[in-house]
PDB file of N, CA and C in Angstrom:
ATOM      1  N   MET A   1     167.278 -58.486 158.828  1.00  0.00           N
ATOM      2  CA  MET A   1     166.486 -57.277 158.709  1.00  0.00           C
ATOM      3  C   MET A   1     167.390 -56.081 158.979  1.00  0.00           C
ATOM      4  N   LYS A   2     167.330 -55.081 158.119  1.00  0.00           N
ATOM      5  CA  LYS A   2     168.160 -53.903 158.325  1.00  0.00           C
ATOM      6  C   LYS A   2     167.709 -53.135 159.559  1.00  0.00           C
ATOM      7  N   ASN A   3     168.591 -52.300 160.084  1.00  0.00           N
ATOM      8  CA  ASN A   3     168.271 -51.523 161.283  1.00  0.00           C
ATOM      9  C   ASN A   3     167.041 -50.674 161.057  1.00  0.00           C
ATOM     10  N   PHE A   4     166.363 -50.405 162.157  1.00  0.00           N
ATOM     11  CA  PHE A   4     165.126 -49.646 162.094  1.00  0.00           C
ATOM     12  C   PHE A   4     165.209 -48.515 163.088  1.00  0.00           C
ATOM     13  N   ASN A   5     165.110 -47.276 162.613  1.00  0.00           N
ATOM     14  CA  ASN A   5     165.222 -46.108 163.481  1.00  0.00           C
ATOM     15  C   ASN A   5     163.984 -45.936 164.346  1.00  0.00           C
ATOM     16  N   LYS A   6     164.210 -45.440 165.557  1.00  0.00           N
ATOM     17  CA  LYS A   6     163.094 -45.167 166.473  1.00  0.00           C
ATOM     18  C   LYS A   6     162.171 -44.126 165.871  1.00  0.00           C
ATOM     19  N   ASN A   7     160.882 -44.230 166.201  1.00  0.00           N
ATOM     20  CA  ASN A   7     159.845 -43.294 165.767  1.00  0.00           C
ATOM     21  C   ASN A   7     159.687 -43.227 164.252  1.00  0.00           C
ATOM     22  N   GLN A   8     160.008 -44.304 163.568  1.00  0.00           N
ATOM     23  CA  GLN A   8     159.853 -44.363 162.126  1.00  0.00           C
ATOM     24  C   GLN A   8     158.768 -45.375 161.798  1.00  0.00           C
ATOM     25  N   THR A   9     157.980 -45.109 160.779  1.00  0.00           N
ATOM     26  CA  THR A   9     156.959 -46.056 160.345  1.00  0.00           C
ATOM     27  C   THR A   9     157.101 -46.275 158.842  1.00  0.00           C
ATOM     28  N   GLU A  10     156.679 -47.446 158.395  1.00  0.00           N
ATOM     29  CA  GLU A  10     156.644 -47.717 156.962  1.00  0.00           C
ATOM     30  C   GLU A  10     155.605 -48.797 156.678  1.00  0.00           C
ATOM     31  N   THR A  11     155.018 -48.734 155.498  1.00  0.00           N
ATOM     32  CA  THR A  11     154.041 -49.714 155.076  1.00  0.00           C
ATOM     33  C   THR A  11     154.759 -51.007 154.708  1.00  0.00           C
ATOM     34  N   VAL A  12     154.206 -52.144 155.148  1.00  0.00           N
ATOM     35  CA  VAL A  12     154.789 -53.448 154.864  1.00  0.00           C
ATOM     36  C   VAL A  12     153.705 -54.408 154.387  1.00  0.00           C
ATOM     37  N   GLU A  13     154.134 -55.491 153.758  1.00  0.00           N
ATOM     38  CA  GLU A  13     153.241 -56.583 153.391  1.00  0.00           C
ATOM     39  C   GLU A  13     153.336 -57.618 154.493  1.00  0.00           C
ATOM     40  N   VAL A  14     152.194 -58.126 154.964  1.00  0.00           N
ATOM     41  CA  VAL A  14     152.179 -59.076 156.077  1.00  0.00           C
ATOM     42  C   VAL A  14     151.417 -60.329 155.679  1.00  0.00           C
ATOM     43  N   MET A  15     151.983 -61.476 156.066  1.00  0.00           N
ATOM     44  CA  MET A  15     151.279 -62.759 155.967  1.00  0.00           C
ATOM     45  C   MET A  15     150.778 -63.046 157.371  1.00  0.00           C
ATOM     46  N   ALA A  16     149.459 -63.160 157.534  1.00  0.00           N
ATOM     47  CA  ALA A  16     148.872 -63.345 158.863  1.00  0.00           C
ATOM     48  C   ALA A  16     147.908 -64.515 158.861  1.00  0.00           C
ATOM     49  N   LEU A  17     147.765 -65.105 160.030  1.00  0.00           N
ATOM     50  CA  LEU A  17     146.826 -66.197 160.243  1.00  0.00           C
ATOM     51  C   LEU A  17     145.617 -65.617 160.962  1.00  0.00           C
ATOM     52  N   PHE A  18     144.443 -65.729 160.348  1.00  0.00           N
ATOM     53  CA  PHE A  18     143.227 -65.179 160.939  1.00  0.00           C
ATOM     54  C   PHE A  18     142.377 -66.300 161.537  1.00  0.00           C
ATOM     55  N   GLY A  19     141.747 -66.009 162.679  1.00  0.00           N
ATOM     56  CA  GLY A  19     140.847 -66.959 163.308  1.00  0.00           C
ATOM     57  C   GLY A  19     141.541 -68.143 163.948  1.00  0.00           C
ATOM     58  N   TYR A  20     142.688 -67.927 164.562  1.00  0.00           N
ATOM     59  CA  TYR A  20     143.467 -69.005 165.168  1.00  0.00           C
ATOM     60  C   TYR A  20     143.230 -69.038 166.677  1.00  0.00           C
ATOM     61  N   GLU A  21     142.585 -70.088 167.168  1.00  0.00           N
ATOM     62  CA  GLU A  21     142.306 -70.292 168.585  1.00  0.00           C
ATOM     63  C   GLU A  21     141.790 -69.026 169.249  1.00  0.00           C
ATOM     64  N   MET A  22     142.431 -68.556 170.318  1.00  0.00           N
ATOM     65  CA  MET A  22     141.975 -67.380 171.060  1.00  0.00           C
ATOM     66  C   MET A  22     142.481 -66.069 170.461  1.00  0.00           C
ATOM     67  N   THR A  23     143.382 -66.144 169.491  1.00  0.00           N
ATOM     68  CA  THR A  23     143.913 -64.946 168.847  1.00  0.00           C
ATOM     69  C   THR A  23     143.242 -64.796 167.487  1.00  0.00           C
ATOM     70  N   PRO A  24     142.417 -63.754 167.292  1.00  0.00           N
ATOM     71  CA  PRO A  24     141.709 -63.613 166.014  1.00  0.00           C
ATOM     72  C   PRO A  24     142.626 -63.343 164.825  1.00  0.00           C
ATOM     73  N   CYS A  25     143.821 -62.786 165.083  1.00  0.00           N
ATOM     74  CA  CYS A  25     144.779 -62.516 164.014  1.00  0.00           C
ATOM     75  C   CYS A  25     146.184 -62.616 164.587  1.00  0.00           C
ATOM     76  N   GLN A  26     147.069 -63.291 163.844  1.00  0.00           N
ATOM     77  CA  GLN A  26     148.460 -63.404 164.280  1.00  0.00           C
ATOM     78  C   GLN A  26     149.375 -63.219 163.073  1.00  0.00           C
ATOM     79  N   PRO A  27     150.200 -62.147 163.068  1.00  0.00           N
ATOM     80  CA  PRO A  27     151.139 -61.958 161.962  1.00  0.00           C
ATOM     81  C   PRO A  27     152.221 -63.036 162.004  1.00  0.00           C
ATOM     82  N   LEU A  28     152.509 -63.624 160.836  1.00  0.00           N
ATOM     83  CA  LEU A  28     153.504 -64.688 160.741  1.00  0.00           C
ATOM     84  C   LEU A  28     154.816 -64.200 160.132  1.00  0.00           C
ATOM     85  N   THR A  29     154.700 -63.439 159.050  1.00  0.00           N
ATOM     86  CA  THR A  29     155.875 -62.875 158.380  1.00  0.00           C
ATOM     87  C   THR A  29     155.517 -61.489 157.861  1.00  0.00           C
ATOM     88  N   PHE A  30     156.551 -60.697 157.551  1.00  0.00           N
ATOM     89  CA  PHE A  30     156.320 -59.422 156.880  1.00  0.00           C
ATOM     90  C   PHE A  30     157.483 -59.128 155.949  1.00  0.00           C
ATOM     91  N   ARG A  31     157.211 -58.253 154.977  1.00  0.00           N
ATOM     92  CA  ARG A  31     158.225 -57.903 153.982  1.00  0.00           C
ATOM     93  C   ARG A  31     158.266 -56.388 153.823  1.00  0.00           C
ATOM     94  N   ARG A  32     159.452 -55.836 154.023  1.00  0.00           N
ATOM     95  CA  ARG A  32     159.665 -54.409 153.761  1.00  0.00           C
ATOM     96  C   ARG A  32     159.993 -54.248 152.286  1.00  0.00           C
ATOM     97  N   LYS A  33     159.704 -53.093 151.734  1.00  0.00           N
ATOM     98  CA  LYS A  33     159.930 -52.835 150.311  1.00  0.00           C
ATOM     99  C   LYS A  33     161.397 -53.088 149.950  1.00  0.00           C
ATOM    100  N   GLY A  34     161.601 -53.921 148.950  1.00  0.00           N
ATOM    101  CA  GLY A  34     162.946 -54.197 148.464  1.00  0.00           C
ATOM    102  C   GLY A  34     163.761 -55.158 149.320  1.00  0.00           C
ATOM    103  N   GLU A  35     163.124 -55.815 150.296  1.00  0.00           N
ATOM    104  CA  GLU A  35     163.853 -56.732 151.172  1.00  0.00           C
ATOM    105  C   GLU A  35     163.208 -58.106 151.183  1.00  0.00           C
ATOM    106  N   ALA A  36     163.923 -59.063 151.745  1.00  0.00           N
ATOM    107  CA  ALA A  36     163.410 -60.421 151.864  1.00  0.00           C
ATOM    108  C   ALA A  36     162.361 -60.496 152.975  1.00  0.00           C
ATOM    109  N   GLU A  37     161.558 -61.535 152.920  1.00  0.00           N
ATOM    110  CA  GLU A  37     160.543 -61.767 153.934  1.00  0.00           C
ATOM    111  C   GLU A  37     161.198 -62.063 155.283  1.00  0.00           C
ATOM    112  N   VAL A  38     160.603 -61.541 156.361  1.00  0.00           N
ATOM    113  CA  VAL A  38     161.128 -61.704 157.719  1.00  0.00           C
ATOM    114  C   VAL A  38     160.098 -62.473 158.536  1.00  0.00           C
ATOM    115  N   GLU A  39     160.544 -63.483 159.262  1.00  0.00           N
ATOM    116  CA  GLU A  39     159.642 -64.291 160.072  1.00  0.00           C
ATOM    117  C   GLU A  39     159.473 -63.697 161.461  1.00  0.00           C
ATOM    118  N   VAL A  40     158.234 -63.674 161.932  1.00  0.00           N
ATOM    119  CA  VAL A  40     157.931 -63.234 163.290  1.00  0.00           C
ATOM    120  C   VAL A  40     158.236 -64.406 164.222  1.00  0.00           C
ATOM    121  N   SER A  41     159.121 -64.182 165.197  1.00  0.00           N
ATOM    122  CA  SER A  41     159.518 -65.239 166.126  1.00  0.00           C
ATOM    123  C   SER A  41     158.453 -65.505 167.175  1.00  0.00           C
ATOM    124  N   GLU A  42     157.849 -64.419 167.676  1.00  0.00           N
ATOM    125  CA  GLU A  42     156.891 -64.575 168.773  1.00  0.00           C
ATOM    126  C   GLU A  42     155.939 -63.390 168.819  1.00  0.00           C
ATOM    127  N   LEU A  43     154.679 -63.669 169.094  1.00  0.00           N
ATOM    128  CA  LEU A  43     153.691 -62.623 169.341  1.00  0.00           C
ATOM    129  C   LEU A  43     153.716 -62.326 170.835  1.00  0.00           C
ATOM    130  N   LEU A  44     154.103 -61.103 171.199  1.00  0.00           N
ATOM    131  CA  LEU A  44     154.196 -60.733 172.607  1.00  0.00           C
ATOM    132  C   LEU A  44     152.845 -60.319 173.170  1.00  0.00           C
ATOM    133  N   ARG A  45     152.144 -59.462 172.445  1.00  0.00           N
ATOM    134  CA  ARG A  45     150.808 -59.037 172.865  1.00  0.00           C
ATOM    135  C   ARG A  45     150.109 -58.368 171.698  1.00  0.00           C
ATOM    136  N   SER A  46     148.786 -58.293 171.819  1.00  0.00           N
ATOM    137  CA  SER A  46     148.001 -57.576 170.816  1.00  0.00           C
ATOM    138  C   SER A  46     146.970 -56.726 171.536  1.00  0.00           C
ATOM    139  N   THR A  47     146.741 -55.542 170.987  1.00  0.00           N
ATOM    140  CA  THR A  47     145.774 -54.606 171.543  1.00  0.00           C
ATOM    141  C   THR A  47     145.018 -53.936 170.400  1.00  0.00           C
ATOM    142  N   ILE A  48     143.989 -53.193 170.767  1.00  0.00           N
ATOM    143  CA  ILE A  48     143.186 -52.471 169.780  1.00  0.00           C
ATOM    144  C   ILE A  48     143.105 -51.005 170.192  1.00  0.00           C
ATOM    145  N   ARG A  49     143.193 -50.118 169.189  1.00  0.00           N
ATOM    146  CA  ARG A  49     143.033 -48.683 169.420  1.00  0.00           C
ATOM    147  C   ARG A  49     142.020 -48.163 168.393  1.00  0.00           C
ATOM    148  N   PHE A  50     141.126 -47.318 168.833  1.00  0.00           N
ATOM    149  CA  PHE A  50     140.131 -46.743 167.936  1.00  0.00           C
ATOM    150  C   PHE A  50     140.606 -45.362 167.507  1.00  0.00           C
ATOM    151  N   ALA A  51     140.592 -45.121 166.197  1.00  0.00           N
ATOM    152  CA  ALA A  51     141.034 -43.848 165.631  1.00  0.00           C
ATOM    153  C   ALA A  51     139.990 -43.396 164.621  1.00  0.00           C
ATOM    154  N   GLY A  52     139.062 -42.559 165.083  1.00  0.00           N
ATOM    155  CA  GLY A  52     137.969 -42.135 164.204  1.00  0.00           C
ATOM    156  C   GLY A  52     137.112 -43.332 163.866  1.00  0.00           C
ATOM    157  N   ARG A  53     136.917 -43.573 162.587  1.00  0.00           N
ATOM    158  CA  ARG A  53     136.109 -44.724 162.181  1.00  0.00           C
ATOM    159  C   ARG A  53     136.941 -45.988 162.019  1.00  0.00           C
ATOM    160  N   ALA A  54     138.241 -45.882 162.167  1.00  0.00           N
ATOM    161  CA  ALA A  54     139.138 -47.033 162.007  1.00  0.00           C
ATOM    162  C   ALA A  54     139.418 -47.712 163.339  1.00  0.00           C
ATOM    163  N   THR A  55     139.619 -48.998 163.258  1.00  0.00           N
ATOM    164  CA  THR A  55     140.126 -49.754 164.387  1.00  0.00           C
ATOM    165  C   THR A  55     141.545 -50.162 164.023  1.00  0.00           C
ATOM    166  N   ILE A  56     142.493 -49.822 164.873  1.00  0.00           N
ATOM    167  CA  ILE A  56     143.892 -50.167 164.640  1.00  0.00           C
ATOM    168  C   ILE A  56     144.231 -51.353 165.530  1.00  0.00           C
ATOM    169  N   HIS A  57     144.597 -52.457 164.908  1.00  0.00           N
ATOM    170  CA  HIS A  57     144.997 -53.650 165.640  1.00  0.00           C
ATOM    171  C   HIS A  57     146.519 -53.606 165.776  1.00  0.00           C
ATOM    172  N   ILE A  58     146.999 -53.625 167.003  1.00  0.00           N
ATOM    173  CA  ILE A  58     148.423 -53.435 167.293  1.00  0.00           C
ATOM    174  C   ILE A  58     149.022 -54.749 167.780  1.00  0.00           C
ATOM    175  N   PHE A  59     150.124 -55.152 167.150  1.00  0.00           N
ATOM    176  CA  PHE A  59     150.799 -56.400 167.493  1.00  0.00           C
ATOM    177  C   PHE A  59     152.252 -56.107 167.856  1.00  0.00           C
ATOM    178  N   ASP A  60     152.615 -56.357 169.107  1.00  0.00           N
ATOM    179  CA  ASP A  60     154.012 -56.281 169.521  1.00  0.00           C
ATOM    180  C   ASP A  60     154.599 -57.668 169.311  1.00  0.00           C
ATOM    181  N   VAL A  61     155.645 -57.737 168.477  1.00  0.00           N
ATOM    182  CA  VAL A  61     156.215 -59.031 168.111  1.00  0.00           C
ATOM    183  C   VAL A  61     157.735 -59.011 168.253  1.00  0.00           C
ATOM    184  N   LEU A  62     158.304 -60.196 168.317  1.00  0.00           N
ATOM    185  CA  LEU A  62     159.753 -60.356 168.278  1.00  0.00           C
ATOM    186  C   LEU A  62     160.144 -60.857 166.902  1.00  0.00           C
ATOM    187  N   VAL A  63     161.201 -60.248 166.376  1.00  0.00           N
ATOM    188  CA  VAL A  63     161.821 -60.687 165.136  1.00  0.00           C
ATOM    189  C   VAL A  63     163.267 -60.987 165.519  1.00  0.00           C
ATOM    190  N   GLY A  64     163.569 -62.257 165.719  1.00  0.00           N
ATOM    191  CA  GLY A  64     164.862 -62.603 166.306  1.00  0.00           C
ATOM    192  C   GLY A  64     164.864 -62.097 167.738  1.00  0.00           C
ATOM    193  N   ARG A  65     165.760 -61.167 168.029  1.00  0.00           N
ATOM    194  CA  ARG A  65     165.817 -60.552 169.366  1.00  0.00           C
ATOM    195  C   ARG A  65     165.293 -59.121 169.383  1.00  0.00           C
ATOM    196  N   GLU A  66     164.858 -58.642 168.222  1.00  0.00           N
ATOM    197  CA  GLU A  66     164.383 -57.257 168.113  1.00  0.00           C
ATOM    198  C   GLU A  66     162.871 -57.184 168.285  1.00  0.00           C
ATOM    199  N   LYS A  67     162.420 -56.260 169.131  1.00  0.00           N
ATOM    200  CA  LYS A  67     160.991 -56.041 169.346  1.00  0.00           C
ATOM    201  C   LYS A  67     160.511 -54.962 168.385  1.00  0.00           C
ATOM    202  N   VAL A  68     159.474 -55.275 167.625  1.00  0.00           N
ATOM    203  CA  VAL A  68     158.874 -54.306 166.702  1.00  0.00           C
ATOM    204  C   VAL A  68     157.362 -54.351 166.869  1.00  0.00           C
ATOM    205  N   ARG A  69     156.701 -53.384 166.293  1.00  0.00           N
ATOM    206  CA  ARG A  69     155.244 -53.301 166.363  1.00  0.00           C
ATOM    207  C   ARG A  69     154.692 -53.286 164.945  1.00  0.00           C
ATOM    208  N   LEU A  70     153.692 -54.127 164.719  1.00  0.00           N
ATOM    209  CA  LEU A  70     152.948 -54.129 163.466  1.00  0.00           C
ATOM    210  C   LEU A  70     151.548 -53.635 163.765  1.00  0.00           C
ATOM    211  N   GLU A  71     151.044 -52.749 162.917  1.00  0.00           N
ATOM    212  CA  GLU A  71     149.699 -52.208 163.103  1.00  0.00           C
ATOM    213  C   GLU A  71     148.875 -52.464 161.851  1.00  0.00           C
ATOM    214  N   PHE A  72     147.647 -52.926 162.062  1.00  0.00           N
ATOM    215  CA  PHE A  72     146.720 -53.200 160.968  1.00  0.00           C
ATOM    216  C   PHE A  72     145.559 -52.223 161.043  1.00  0.00           C
ATOM    217  N   ASN A  73     145.311 -51.489 159.960  1.00  0.00           N
ATOM    218  CA  ASN A  73     144.234 -50.511 159.879  1.00  0.00           C
ATOM    219  C   ASN A  73     143.007 -51.184 159.262  1.00  0.00           C
ATOM    220  N   SER A  74     141.907 -51.212 159.997  1.00  0.00           N
ATOM    221  CA  SER A  74     140.705 -51.927 159.552  1.00  0.00           C
ATOM    222  C   SER A  74     139.962 -51.229 158.411  1.00  0.00           C
ATOM    223  N   VAL A  75     140.225 -49.953 158.187  1.00  0.00           N
ATOM    224  CA  VAL A  75     139.531 -49.226 157.124  1.00  0.00           C
ATOM    225  C   VAL A  75     140.206 -49.421 155.776  1.00  0.00           C
ATOM    226  N   ASP A  76     141.505 -49.134 155.699  1.00  0.00           N
ATOM    227  CA  ASP A  76     142.185 -49.273 154.414  1.00  0.00           C
ATOM    228  C   ASP A  76     142.946 -50.590 154.277  1.00  0.00           C
ATOM    229  N   LEU A  77     142.858 -51.464 155.298  1.00  0.00           N
ATOM    230  CA  LEU A  77     143.449 -52.800 155.301  1.00  0.00           C
ATOM    231  C   LEU A  77     144.962 -52.779 155.091  1.00  0.00           C
ATOM    232  N   SER A  78     145.602 -51.731 155.585  1.00  0.00           N
ATOM    233  CA  SER A  78     147.056 -51.612 155.435  1.00  0.00           C
ATOM    234  C   SER A  78     147.777 -52.056 156.714  1.00  0.00           C
ATOM    235  N   TRP A  79     149.000 -52.524 156.540  1.00  0.00           N
ATOM    236  CA  TRP A  79     149.866 -52.902 157.642  1.00  0.00           C
ATOM    237  C   TRP A  79     151.017 -51.906 157.713  1.00  0.00           C
ATOM    238  N   THR A  80     151.377 -51.510 158.928  1.00  0.00           N
ATOM    239  CA  THR A  80     152.473 -50.567 159.148  1.00  0.00           C
ATOM    240  C   THR A  80     153.443 -51.165 160.151  1.00  0.00           C
ATOM    241  N   LEU A  81     154.732 -51.033 159.853  1.00  0.00           N
ATOM    242  CA  LEU A  81     155.788 -51.441 160.769  1.00  0.00           C
ATOM    243  C   LEU A  81     156.208 -50.203 161.537  1.00  0.00           C
ATOM    244  N   VAL A  82     156.217 -50.320 162.876  1.00  0.00           N
ATOM    245  CA  VAL A  82     156.542 -49.199 163.754  1.00  0.00           C
ATOM    246  C   VAL A  82     157.654 -49.642 164.685  1.00  0.00           C
ATOM    247  N   SER A  83     158.630 -48.787 164.930  1.00  0.00           N
ATOM    248  CA  SER A  83     159.674 -49.147 165.891  1.00  0.00           C
ATOM    249  C   SER A  83     159.058 -49.225 167.284  1.00  0.00           C
ATOM    250  N   ALA A  84     159.586 -50.102 168.100  1.00  0.00           N
ATOM    251  CA  ALA A  84     159.036 -50.280 169.451  1.00  0.00           C
ATOM    252  C   ALA A  84     160.009 -49.812 170.497  1.00  0.00           C
TER     253      ALA A  84
END
């Protein structure tokens, strides 16, 4: 995965497992535009934030040794990669 600057966000495609045991959603892989698919090594934590009528599901994950954040918007069903 190429370097990721702090305070930068970008839309990504995510493969996620929904309805798995105690975790209602777990991201498995993601793909940045023009790059190969990247596997999520570990789910560190997940939280929820309310933003107007949207619910933002926040996933702090490890990709190799790098910590990144994936956010899922419940209104437009988009995934965003955020530096952590």
